[in-house]
Amino acid sequence: MARKTGSHSEITGPRIRAAAEHLFARHGYAAVSMRQIAAEVGVQAGALYLYTPDKQSLLADLMRAHLEGLLAACAALPEAPGPEARLAQFARFHIGYHIERPDAVFIAYMELRNLEPANFAAIEALRRQYEDRLEAILRDGRAAGAFTIPDTKLATLALIAMLTGVTNWYREGGRLGRAEVEAIYADMALKAVGATGIAG
């Protein structure tokens, strides 16, 4: 495919992914064409295929990059002492990480239905890895008598839904700052599992 002179050095994968993320989040995956993505970047549509096989691969790559980044950042957290501190830490981390990436979060949750089976399985496996980190905290807390929860899997899904929901309403410069939102949500997470302590 022909492309603009100099475009090979100027148009990179990250720019294409950023444009696709923006458009998918604003209009939905199904409504966005490769031609629209190319226009957002400023190249001919054919140039996109130098960087991605098709739109489906682009969607899966966006989700994979988001979840792999999330897992890496979570794994890098310092060890917290005890299940209550670990849950508070997880809640604060989840809020802080997701507030920074509302478009990626929206796509990761709302566009799962548009993934082809193989891509869906790969993305779901990454999501389960993250959920498993939280469920391990809840299991440890229940075993230690610190949490009162009848089903750790259900509690895991409920907590993640609650924490992720912050991206729907949080706006920088609003009534509550990030630190306050993180602290409030951490406290609510602890109370939701019947923790005997509160977030510090």
Protein backbone atom coordinates (compact mmCIF):
# COMPACT_ATOMS: atom_id res chain seq x y z
CA MET A 1 0.00 0.00 0.00
CA ALA A 2 1.22 3.48 -0.82
CA ARG A 3 1.71 5.90 2.01
CA LYS A 4 2.69 9.52 2.50
CA THR A 5 6.36 10.34 2.22
CA GLY A 6 7.92 10.14 5.65
CA SER A 7 4.86 8.56 7.23
CA HIS A 8 6.74 5.36 8.09
CA SER A 9 8.88 7.20 10.61
CA GLU A 10 6.11 9.48 11.89
CA ILE A 11 3.09 7.17 12.18
CA THR A 12 3.67 4.60 14.87
CA GLY A 13 1.72 1.82 16.51
CA PRO A 14 1.16 3.85 19.70
CA ARG A 15 -0.45 6.70 17.75
CA ILE A 16 -2.78 4.32 15.99
CA ARG A 17 -3.72 2.60 19.24
CA ALA A 18 -4.33 5.96 20.93
CA ALA A 19 -6.64 7.04 18.10
CA ALA A 20 -8.50 3.73 18.13
CA GLU A 21 -8.91 3.88 21.91
CA HIS A 22 -10.32 7.39 21.72
CA LEU A 23 -12.79 6.52 18.95
CA PHE A 24 -13.88 3.17 20.41
CA ALA A 25 -14.56 4.81 23.76
CA ARG A 26 -16.51 7.70 22.22
CA HIS A 27 -18.52 5.90 19.55
CA GLY A 28 -18.28 2.16 20.25
CA TYR A 29 -16.23 -0.44 18.43
CA ALA A 30 -18.97 -1.42 15.99
CA ALA A 31 -19.53 2.16 14.83
CA VAL A 32 -15.86 2.93 14.12
CA SER A 33 -14.21 2.05 10.81
CA MET A 34 -10.53 1.66 9.99
CA ARG A 35 -10.99 4.66 7.70
CA GLN A 36 -12.09 6.78 10.69
CA ILE A 37 -9.08 5.64 12.70
CA ALA A 38 -6.79 6.52 9.81
CA ALA A 39 -8.38 9.96 9.52
CA GLU A 40 -7.86 10.54 13.26
CA VAL A 41 -4.16 9.71 12.87
CA GLY A 42 -3.84 11.59 9.58
CA VAL A 43 -2.95 8.80 7.16
CA GLN A 44 -4.59 6.81 4.42
CA ALA A 45 -6.55 3.79 5.63
CA GLY A 46 -4.14 1.38 3.94
CA ALA A 47 -1.29 2.59 6.13
CA LEU A 48 -2.97 1.13 9.23
CA TYR A 49 -2.39 -2.38 7.95
CA LEU A 50 1.34 -1.88 8.31
CA TYR A 51 0.72 -1.93 12.06
CA THR A 52 -2.32 -4.14 12.64
CA PRO A 53 -3.97 -6.93 10.63
CA ASP A 54 -7.51 -5.67 11.21
CA LYS A 55 -9.84 -3.81 13.56
CA GLN A 56 -10.50 -6.90 15.69
CA SER A 57 -6.78 -7.30 16.38
CA LEU A 58 -6.59 -3.64 17.29
CA LEU A 59 -9.40 -4.02 19.83
CA ALA A 60 -7.83 -7.11 21.38
CA ASP A 61 -4.42 -5.42 21.54
CA LEU A 62 -5.90 -2.44 23.38
CA MET A 63 -7.55 -4.68 25.96
CA ARG A 64 -4.46 -6.84 26.34
CA ALA A 65 -2.17 -3.86 26.85
CA HIS A 66 -4.51 -2.41 29.47
CA LEU A 67 -4.80 -5.63 31.45
CA GLU A 68 -1.11 -6.52 31.22
CA GLY A 69 -0.22 -3.05 32.47
CA LEU A 70 -2.73 -3.39 35.28
CA LEU A 71 -1.33 -6.76 36.34
CA ALA A 72 2.26 -5.52 36.24
CA ALA A 73 1.45 -2.45 38.32
CA CYS A 74 -0.49 -4.52 40.84
CA ALA A 75 2.36 -7.03 41.14
CA ALA A 76 4.77 -4.18 41.88
CA LEU A 77 2.85 -3.03 44.97
CA PRO A 78 4.79 -3.39 48.23
CA GLU A 79 3.71 -6.18 50.56
CA ALA A 80 1.03 -4.98 52.99
CA PRO A 81 0.75 -6.49 56.49
CA GLY A 82 -2.40 -8.55 56.86
CA PRO A 83 -5.60 -8.97 54.81
CA GLU A 84 -7.22 -5.72 55.93
CA ALA A 85 -4.21 -3.63 54.88
CA ARG A 86 -3.94 -5.65 51.66
CA LEU A 87 -7.58 -5.03 50.78
CA ALA A 88 -7.29 -1.31 51.52
CA GLN A 89 -4.15 -1.19 49.39
CA PHE A 90 -5.86 -3.05 46.54
CA ALA A 91 -8.86 -0.71 46.63
CA ARG A 92 -6.68 2.41 46.61
CA PHE A 93 -4.55 1.01 43.80
CA HIS A 94 -7.56 0.03 41.69
CA ILE A 95 -9.13 3.45 42.04
CA GLY A 96 -5.93 5.35 41.29
CA TYR A 97 -4.97 3.22 38.30
CA HIS A 98 -8.38 3.29 36.67
CA ILE A 99 -9.06 6.99 37.22
CA GLU A 100 -6.05 7.67 35.00
CA ARG A 101 -7.39 5.51 32.15
CA PRO A 102 -11.17 5.97 31.72
CA ASP A 103 -11.19 5.19 27.98
CA ALA A 104 -9.17 1.99 28.40
CA VAL A 105 -11.42 0.91 31.28
CA PHE A 106 -14.59 1.58 29.28
CA ILE A 107 -13.31 -0.48 26.35
CA ALA A 108 -12.04 -3.31 28.54
CA TYR A 109 -15.49 -3.80 30.07
CA MET A 110 -17.99 -2.65 27.47
CA GLU A 111 -16.46 -4.08 24.30
CA LEU A 112 -15.90 -7.66 25.48
CA ARG A 113 -19.00 -8.67 23.52
CA ASN A 114 -17.26 -7.68 20.29
CA LEU A 115 -14.25 -9.95 20.74
CA GLU A 116 -13.96 -13.06 18.61
CA PRO A 117 -13.80 -16.32 20.63
CA ALA A 118 -10.01 -16.73 20.70
CA ASN A 119 -9.45 -13.11 21.68
CA PHE A 120 -12.23 -13.28 24.26
CA ALA A 121 -10.61 -16.31 25.90
CA ALA A 122 -7.23 -14.57 26.08
CA ILE A 123 -8.64 -11.37 27.56
CA GLU A 124 -10.83 -13.25 30.04
CA ALA A 125 -7.76 -15.16 31.24
CA LEU A 126 -6.02 -11.87 32.01
CA ARG A 127 -9.11 -10.53 33.79
CA ARG A 128 -9.25 -13.67 35.91
CA GLN A 129 -5.61 -13.22 36.92
CA TYR A 130 -6.46 -9.80 38.30
CA GLU A 131 -9.64 -11.00 39.98
CA ASP A 132 -7.68 -13.87 41.52
CA ARG A 133 -5.38 -11.38 43.27
CA LEU A 134 -8.35 -9.81 45.02
CA GLU A 135 -10.00 -13.14 45.78
CA ALA A 136 -6.78 -14.37 47.42
CA ILE A 137 -6.94 -11.39 49.78
CA LEU A 138 -10.56 -12.14 50.60
CA ARG A 139 -9.85 -15.82 51.22
CA ASP A 140 -6.99 -14.97 53.54
CA GLY A 141 -9.15 -12.46 55.39
CA ARG A 142 -11.98 -14.93 55.82
CA ALA A 143 -9.58 -17.66 57.00
CA ALA A 144 -8.10 -15.25 59.55
CA GLY A 145 -11.55 -14.25 60.81
CA ALA A 146 -11.04 -10.65 59.66
CA PHE A 147 -13.70 -10.75 56.90
CA THR A 148 -17.26 -12.05 57.04
CA ILE A 149 -18.20 -13.14 53.53
CA PRO A 150 -20.16 -16.25 52.47
CA ASP A 151 -18.71 -16.43 48.94
CA THR A 152 -15.32 -14.97 48.01
CA LYS A 153 -15.89 -15.12 44.26
CA LEU A 154 -19.13 -13.17 44.48
CA ALA A 155 -17.51 -10.65 46.82
CA THR A 156 -14.61 -10.28 44.38
CA LEU A 157 -16.88 -9.44 41.47
CA ALA A 158 -19.00 -7.09 43.57
CA LEU A 159 -15.97 -5.18 44.87
CA ILE A 160 -14.40 -4.83 41.44
CA ALA A 161 -17.69 -3.54 40.02
CA MET A 162 -17.96 -1.01 42.84
CA LEU A 163 -14.37 0.17 42.50
CA THR A 164 -14.38 0.37 38.71
CA GLY A 165 -17.56 2.44 38.75
CA VAL A 166 -15.57 5.45 39.91
CA THR A 167 -14.49 6.07 36.31
CA ASN A 168 -18.11 6.84 35.39
CA TRP A 169 -18.33 9.93 37.55
CA TYR A 170 -14.91 11.07 38.75
CA ARG A 171 -13.64 14.32 37.26
CA GLU A 172 -10.34 15.97 38.08
CA GLY A 173 -10.89 19.17 40.05
CA GLY A 174 -14.24 18.05 41.43
CA ARG A 175 -15.52 18.21 44.99
CA LEU A 176 -13.37 15.29 46.14
CA GLY A 177 -9.70 14.83 45.30
CA ARG A 178 -8.14 11.51 44.33
CA ALA A 179 -6.70 10.79 47.75
CA GLU A 180 -10.09 11.36 49.39
CA VAL A 181 -11.87 9.15 46.84
CA GLU A 182 -9.31 6.39 47.30
CA ALA A 183 -9.65 6.53 51.10
CA ILE A 184 -13.46 6.49 51.03
CA TYR A 185 -13.60 3.57 48.62
CA ALA A 186 -10.99 1.63 50.60
CA ASP A 187 -13.10 2.10 53.73
CA MET A 188 -16.27 1.02 51.89
CA ALA A 189 -14.49 -2.07 50.56
CA LEU A 190 -13.47 -3.08 54.07
CA LYS A 191 -16.95 -2.49 55.45
CA ALA A 192 -18.47 -4.46 52.57
CA VAL A 193 -16.61 -7.59 53.68
CA GLY A 194 -17.31 -7.08 57.37
CA ALA A 195 -13.75 -6.10 58.21
CA THR A 196 -13.05 -5.37 61.85
CA GLY A 197 -10.77 -2.42 61.01
CA ILE A 198 -10.96 0.59 58.72
CA ALA A 199 -8.71 1.92 55.99
CA GLY A 200 -5.85 4.06 57.16
